[in-house]
Amino acid sequence: MLYLTENDQQQLLNMREVIDEVAESLKAFSEGKTETPLRYSIPFNEDNRYLVMPALSDALKIVGLKTVTFAPKNPEKGKSTISGSVILSDYETGETLSVLDGGYLTKIRTGAISGVATKYLSREDASALCVIGAGEQAEGLIAAVLAVRKINTIHFASRTTEKAERLAKQTKDLYDVNVEVFEDANQAIEGTDIVVTATNSSTPVFDRTLDPGVHLNAVGSFKPDMQELPTESMMVANKIVVESTEAAMEETGDLKIPEQEGVLTQDMLHAELGDIVAGRKQGRTDEKEVTLFKSVGLAIVDIVVANYFYKKAQK
């Protein structure tokens, strides 16, 4: 059995390769070629959550299990908000092939899914990115967006300005892009082509209208009572895309709260991302369209990414 730490995965990572693997897993999911039950969430110690997510695919010949703990107060203790592990099993024998650090894998998986969405839904000439939230997930999202679009300017905003400044400096050093930090998320969005929200907020992190041509990746809200986006964003979006219609309508307040308010129905969702990858549904078709991708994560994607790291390690 092989154990792959965060450092091991960093050494093996090629984000463009992961984005391609993730696209295929999303396509398989939307074609009904996977078994991906809704994740089981157990609360503990007040705000914390323990998430259990099995998944398999006979078509892809993979099987595995992801467990994650979400502890929003951990940064105050100098620890990561998300931790856990992914267990990859042999499809033929069921034996454990590898155990992978789940915190880093989640960051890469989250970024790669939004990378796929950005590839199909953002304008090809997009050059300015806005990142709202300065936690660990933002790092993977930035890497993925820059893997599919030629970004030269990035705006940052966070409830903690110091964290945004730290991430901005890290990003500038790593990618040689222009960076600017804003205290107001509404101002940070202005003039950008792609917006990413990756926060733990339970209330909307901005309240401005999305400009024509903007693409938004929203990844922070993962509970029914968490609404990271204003309801109005759902109303102005020409296309709302998700990984899984069932999971998105069940798990995230970004969709459930507008549904309860009577302004959003399941029928208003444009497509699952896998259907766009497969060509069954169209991605962006107009330079002026406002496109919105709401991500809640899929365990089958985690298992595919785990398999990617395992195969590269074997080589």
Protein backbone atom coordinates (compact mmCIF):
# COMPACT_ATOMS: atom_id res chain seq x y z
CA MET A 1 0.00 0.00 0.00
CA LEU A 2 1.25 3.45 -0.95
CA TYR A 3 0.75 6.53 1.26
CA LEU A 4 0.89 9.83 -0.61
CA THR A 5 1.42 12.93 1.50
CA GLU A 6 0.68 16.50 0.50
CA ASN A 7 4.31 16.93 -0.55
CA ASP A 8 4.18 13.75 -2.65
CA GLN A 9 1.12 15.01 -4.50
CA GLN A 10 2.67 18.44 -5.05
CA GLN A 11 5.66 16.81 -6.72
CA LEU A 12 3.42 14.74 -9.00
CA LEU A 13 0.92 17.46 -9.94
CA ASN A 14 0.38 18.76 -13.46
CA MET A 15 -2.81 20.83 -13.25
CA ARG A 16 -3.59 20.61 -16.96
CA GLU A 17 -3.44 16.82 -16.77
CA VAL A 18 -5.70 16.78 -13.71
CA ILE A 19 -8.23 19.06 -15.42
CA ASP A 20 -8.42 16.61 -18.35
CA GLU A 21 -8.91 13.65 -15.97
CA VAL A 22 -11.59 15.54 -14.05
CA ALA A 23 -13.43 16.42 -17.26
CA GLU A 24 -13.66 12.72 -18.14
CA SER A 25 -14.96 11.85 -14.66
CA LEU A 26 -17.66 14.54 -14.87
CA LYS A 27 -18.66 13.22 -18.28
CA ALA A 28 -18.91 9.66 -16.89
CA PHE A 29 -21.01 10.91 -13.97
CA SER A 30 -23.53 12.69 -16.19
CA GLU A 31 -23.73 9.62 -18.44
CA GLY A 32 -24.76 7.51 -15.44
CA LYS A 33 -21.54 5.50 -15.49
CA THR A 34 -20.67 6.06 -11.83
CA GLU A 35 -22.12 5.25 -8.42
CA THR A 36 -21.81 8.46 -6.43
CA PRO A 37 -24.24 8.63 -3.49
CA LEU A 38 -25.01 11.95 -1.83
CA ARG A 39 -22.38 12.58 0.83
CA TYR A 40 -23.22 11.70 4.42
CA SER A 41 -22.60 14.59 6.80
CA ILE A 42 -22.37 14.25 10.59
CA PRO A 43 -22.02 17.37 12.77
CA PHE A 44 -19.68 17.30 15.77
CA ASN A 45 -18.21 19.78 18.24
CA GLU A 46 -20.73 22.48 17.32
CA ASP A 47 -19.56 23.89 13.96
CA ASN A 48 -17.53 20.93 12.70
CA ARG A 49 -18.64 18.39 10.10
CA TYR A 50 -17.52 14.87 9.28
CA LEU A 51 -18.22 14.00 5.64
CA VAL A 52 -18.19 10.47 4.22
CA MET A 53 -18.21 9.95 0.44
CA PRO A 54 -17.86 6.57 -1.33
CA ALA A 55 -17.77 6.36 -5.13
CA LEU A 56 -17.04 3.89 -7.91
CA SER A 57 -17.25 3.50 -11.66
CA ASP A 58 -17.39 0.22 -13.56
CA ALA A 59 -16.63 2.13 -16.77
CA LEU A 60 -13.53 3.78 -15.32
CA LYS A 61 -12.68 0.70 -13.21
CA ILE A 62 -12.08 2.66 -10.02
CA VAL A 63 -13.45 2.44 -6.49
CA GLY A 64 -12.66 4.42 -3.36
CA LEU A 65 -13.76 6.36 -0.31
CA LYS A 66 -13.18 9.93 0.82
CA THR A 67 -13.56 11.13 4.39
CA VAL A 68 -13.21 14.80 5.29
CA THR A 69 -13.51 16.88 8.43
CA PHE A 70 -14.48 20.53 8.11
CA ALA A 71 -13.54 22.66 11.11
CA PRO A 72 -14.11 26.39 10.39
CA LYS A 73 -12.35 27.57 13.58
CA ASN A 74 -9.11 25.73 12.81
CA PRO A 75 -7.34 28.75 11.24
CA GLU A 76 -7.52 30.44 14.66
CA LYS A 77 -5.43 27.52 15.94
CA GLY A 78 -3.00 27.63 13.03
CA LYS A 79 -4.51 24.50 11.49
CA SER A 80 -6.20 23.72 8.16
CA THR A 81 -9.97 24.08 7.84
CA ILE A 82 -10.24 20.90 5.78
CA SER A 83 -8.46 17.63 6.53
CA GLY A 84 -9.09 14.01 5.72
CA SER A 85 -8.03 11.15 3.51
CA VAL A 86 -8.88 9.36 0.29
CA ILE A 87 -8.65 5.57 0.13
CA LEU A 88 -8.13 4.13 -3.35
CA SER A 89 -8.94 0.43 -3.71
CA ASP A 90 -8.08 -2.10 -6.40
CA TYR A 91 -11.08 -2.52 -8.72
CA GLU A 92 -10.42 -6.25 -9.21
CA THR A 93 -9.56 -7.37 -5.67
CA GLY A 94 -10.83 -4.61 -3.38
CA GLU A 95 -7.42 -4.35 -1.73
CA THR A 96 -6.26 -0.92 -0.60
CA LEU A 97 -3.85 0.50 -3.18
CA SER A 98 -3.19 3.88 -1.67
CA VAL A 99 -4.16 6.31 1.09
CA LEU A 100 -3.77 9.96 0.16
CA ASP A 101 -3.78 13.15 2.20
CA GLY A 102 -7.30 14.46 1.62
CA GLY A 103 -6.76 18.13 2.40
CA TYR A 104 -4.39 18.78 -0.49
CA LEU A 105 -6.30 16.48 -2.84
CA THR A 106 -9.52 18.39 -2.09
CA LYS A 107 -7.81 21.67 -2.95
CA ILE A 108 -6.61 20.29 -6.28
CA ARG A 109 -9.91 18.58 -7.08
CA THR A 110 -11.90 21.72 -6.26
CA GLY A 111 -9.66 23.81 -8.45
CA ALA A 112 -9.68 21.33 -11.33
CA ILE A 113 -13.49 21.14 -11.44
CA SER A 114 -13.68 24.93 -11.69
CA GLY A 115 -10.90 24.73 -14.28
CA VAL A 116 -13.17 22.56 -16.44
CA ALA A 117 -16.06 24.98 -15.90
CA THR A 118 -13.86 27.96 -16.75
CA LYS A 119 -12.67 26.26 -19.94
CA TYR A 120 -16.21 25.75 -21.23
CA LEU A 121 -18.06 28.73 -19.76
CA SER A 122 -15.73 31.74 -19.58
CA ARG A 123 -14.80 33.94 -22.53
CA GLU A 124 -11.68 32.72 -24.30
CA ASP A 125 -10.17 36.21 -24.12
CA ALA A 126 -10.70 36.48 -20.34
CA SER A 127 -7.64 38.12 -18.80
CA ALA A 128 -8.71 39.42 -15.37
CA LEU A 129 -9.65 37.20 -12.42
CA CYS A 130 -11.29 38.13 -9.11
CA VAL A 131 -10.76 35.83 -6.11
CA ILE A 132 -13.03 36.32 -3.09
CA GLY A 133 -11.70 34.32 -0.16
CA ALA A 134 -8.06 33.73 0.75
CA GLY A 135 -8.08 30.25 2.24
CA GLU A 136 -6.42 27.08 0.98
CA GLN A 137 -9.08 26.35 -1.64
CA ALA A 138 -8.31 29.64 -3.39
CA GLU A 139 -4.81 28.42 -4.24
CA GLY A 140 -6.10 25.47 -6.24
CA LEU A 141 -8.71 27.60 -7.97
CA ILE A 142 -6.13 30.13 -9.09
CA ALA A 143 -3.85 27.39 -10.44
CA ALA A 144 -6.70 25.84 -12.41
CA VAL A 145 -8.03 29.07 -13.92
CA LEU A 146 -4.51 30.05 -14.99
CA ALA A 147 -4.10 26.62 -16.57
CA VAL A 148 -6.97 27.26 -19.01
CA ARG A 149 -6.97 31.06 -19.51
CA LYS A 150 -4.24 33.68 -20.09
CA ILE A 151 -4.79 35.72 -16.94
CA ASN A 152 -2.59 38.79 -16.41
CA THR A 153 -4.44 40.53 -13.56
CA ILE A 154 -5.91 39.14 -10.33
CA HIS A 155 -8.01 41.04 -7.79
CA PHE A 156 -8.24 39.71 -4.23
CA ALA A 157 -10.76 40.31 -1.46
CA SER A 158 -11.23 38.62 1.90
CA ARG A 159 -12.82 39.32 5.27
CA THR A 160 -9.24 39.24 6.57
CA THR A 161 -7.27 41.71 4.46
CA GLU A 162 -3.95 40.38 5.76
CA LYS A 163 -4.74 36.93 4.37
CA ALA A 164 -5.66 38.42 1.00
CA GLU A 165 -2.39 40.37 0.91
CA ARG A 166 -0.43 37.23 1.76
CA LEU A 167 -2.15 35.22 -0.99
CA ALA A 168 -1.69 38.05 -3.48
CA LYS A 169 2.07 38.18 -2.83
CA GLN A 170 2.34 34.40 -3.05
CA THR A 171 0.40 34.40 -6.34
CA LYS A 172 2.45 37.23 -7.86
CA ASP A 173 5.71 35.45 -6.99
CA LEU A 174 4.46 32.16 -8.40
CA TYR A 175 2.78 33.28 -11.62
CA ASP A 176 4.19 36.75 -12.38
CA VAL A 177 0.79 38.42 -12.71
CA ASN A 178 -0.47 41.85 -11.67
CA VAL A 179 -2.26 41.71 -8.32
CA GLU A 180 -4.40 44.12 -6.30
CA VAL A 181 -6.07 43.68 -2.92
CA PHE A 182 -9.45 45.23 -2.12
CA GLU A 183 -11.25 45.54 1.21
CA ASP A 184 -14.61 45.59 -0.60
CA ALA A 185 -15.53 42.50 -2.67
CA ASN A 186 -17.85 44.59 -4.86
CA GLN A 187 -14.90 46.73 -5.93
CA ALA A 188 -12.71 43.66 -6.46
CA ILE A 189 -15.21 42.23 -8.96
CA GLU A 190 -15.28 45.41 -11.04
CA GLY A 191 -13.43 45.09 -14.33
CA THR A 192 -12.80 41.34 -14.08
CA ASP A 193 -13.88 38.60 -16.49
CA ILE A 194 -13.88 35.60 -14.14
CA VAL A 195 -14.98 35.64 -10.50
CA VAL A 196 -14.22 32.91 -7.97
CA THR A 197 -15.84 32.74 -4.53
CA ALA A 198 -14.25 30.37 -2.03
CA THR A 199 -15.28 31.36 1.49
CA ASN A 200 -16.92 29.82 4.56
CA SER A 201 -19.50 32.60 4.67
CA SER A 202 -23.14 31.82 5.41
CA THR A 203 -24.28 35.12 3.89
CA PRO A 204 -23.59 36.64 0.45
CA VAL A 205 -20.05 37.97 0.10
CA PHE A 206 -20.98 40.62 -2.49
CA ASP A 207 -24.16 42.39 -3.56
CA ARG A 208 -23.37 43.92 -6.96
CA THR A 209 -24.85 42.77 -10.26
CA LEU A 210 -22.63 40.59 -12.43
CA ASP A 211 -21.59 42.42 -15.60
CA PRO A 212 -22.36 41.00 -19.07
CA GLY A 213 -19.75 38.45 -20.16
CA VAL A 214 -18.66 37.50 -16.64
CA HIS A 215 -18.21 33.89 -15.58
CA LEU A 216 -18.54 32.99 -11.88
CA ASN A 217 -17.25 29.86 -10.12
CA ALA A 218 -18.83 29.49 -6.66
CA VAL A 219 -17.33 26.78 -4.45
CA GLY A 220 -17.75 27.90 -0.84
CA SER A 221 -21.35 27.09 0.11
CA PHE A 222 -21.78 23.38 0.85
CA LYS A 223 -24.62 23.36 3.40
CA PRO A 224 -28.31 24.23 2.90
CA ASP A 225 -28.03 27.22 5.23
CA MET A 226 -24.88 28.66 3.59
CA GLN A 227 -25.52 31.24 0.86
CA GLU A 228 -22.27 32.64 -0.48
CA LEU A 229 -23.88 34.28 -3.53
CA PRO A 230 -26.68 36.84 -3.56
CA THR A 231 -29.97 35.51 -4.92
CA GLU A 232 -29.80 38.18 -7.60
CA SER A 233 -26.81 36.41 -9.20
CA MET A 234 -29.05 33.43 -9.92
CA MET A 235 -31.56 35.76 -11.53
CA VAL A 236 -29.10 37.52 -13.87
CA ALA A 237 -27.17 34.39 -14.90
CA ASN A 238 -28.04 33.25 -18.43
CA LYS A 239 -26.68 29.77 -17.69
CA ILE A 240 -26.43 28.07 -14.29
CA VAL A 241 -24.32 24.90 -14.37
CA VAL A 242 -23.67 22.29 -11.65
CA GLU A 243 -21.79 18.99 -11.33
CA SER A 244 -24.84 17.07 -10.09
CA THR A 245 -28.37 18.43 -10.24
CA GLU A 246 -29.50 16.27 -7.32
CA ALA A 247 -26.56 17.13 -5.07
CA ALA A 248 -26.62 20.84 -5.89
CA MET A 249 -30.34 21.25 -5.21
CA GLU A 250 -30.03 19.23 -2.00
CA GLU A 251 -26.79 20.46 -0.45
CA THR A 252 -26.13 24.15 -1.13
CA GLY A 253 -27.92 27.22 0.14
CA ASP A 254 -26.78 29.09 -2.97
CA LEU A 255 -29.55 27.18 -4.77
CA LYS A 256 -31.87 26.09 -1.95
CA ILE A 257 -32.43 29.56 -0.52
CA PRO A 258 -33.36 31.14 -3.90
CA GLU A 259 -35.62 28.12 -4.45
CA GLN A 260 -37.32 28.76 -1.10
CA GLU A 261 -37.67 32.43 -2.05
CA GLY A 262 -39.52 31.38 -5.20
CA VAL A 263 -37.01 32.77 -7.71
CA LEU A 264 -35.22 29.56 -8.74
CA THR A 265 -36.42 26.12 -9.79
CA GLN A 266 -34.50 23.03 -10.79
CA ASP A 267 -35.75 23.48 -14.35
CA MET A 268 -33.83 26.76 -14.51
CA LEU A 269 -30.49 24.95 -14.28
CA HIS A 270 -28.89 24.89 -17.73
CA ALA A 271 -26.90 21.67 -17.47
CA GLU A 272 -24.57 19.43 -15.56
CA LEU A 273 -20.96 20.21 -16.42
CA GLY A 274 -20.40 16.65 -17.66
CA ASP A 275 -23.12 17.11 -20.29
CA ILE A 276 -21.28 20.18 -21.60
CA VAL A 277 -17.99 18.28 -21.69
CA ALA A 278 -19.72 15.52 -23.68
CA GLY A 279 -21.24 18.02 -26.11
CA ARG A 280 -24.83 17.18 -25.20
CA LYS A 281 -25.34 20.73 -23.91
CA GLN A 282 -23.72 23.96 -25.03
CA GLY A 283 -21.30 25.96 -22.92
CA ARG A 284 -20.82 29.67 -23.58
CA THR A 285 -22.34 30.72 -26.91
CA ASP A 286 -22.38 34.51 -26.51
CA GLU A 287 -19.70 36.97 -25.40
CA LYS A 288 -22.30 38.85 -23.33
CA GLU A 289 -23.69 35.84 -21.47
CA VAL A 290 -23.40 35.73 -17.70
CA THR A 291 -22.47 32.17 -16.77
CA LEU A 292 -22.47 30.70 -13.27
CA PHE A 293 -21.01 27.42 -12.09
CA LYS A 294 -22.04 26.24 -8.63
CA SER A 295 -19.78 23.47 -7.31
CA VAL A 296 -20.53 21.19 -4.37
CA GLY A 297 -17.99 18.51 -5.23
CA LEU A 298 -18.39 14.89 -6.31
CA ALA A 299 -16.67 11.95 -4.66
CA ILE A 300 -16.06 10.23 -7.99
CA VAL A 301 -13.88 13.18 -8.96
CA ASP A 302 -11.83 12.77 -5.78
CA ILE A 303 -11.31 9.08 -6.56
CA VAL A 304 -10.28 9.88 -10.14
CA VAL A 305 -7.77 12.46 -8.91
CA ALA A 306 -6.48 9.96 -6.32
CA ASN A 307 -6.04 7.42 -9.12
CA TYR A 308 -4.17 10.03 -11.17
CA PHE A 309 -1.68 10.62 -8.35
CA TYR A 310 -1.34 6.88 -7.67
CA LYS A 311 -0.59 6.05 -11.31
CA LYS A 312 1.99 8.83 -11.56
CA ALA A 313 3.63 7.66 -8.34
CA GLN A 314 3.78 4.11 -9.70
CA LYS A 315 5.65 5.36 -12.76
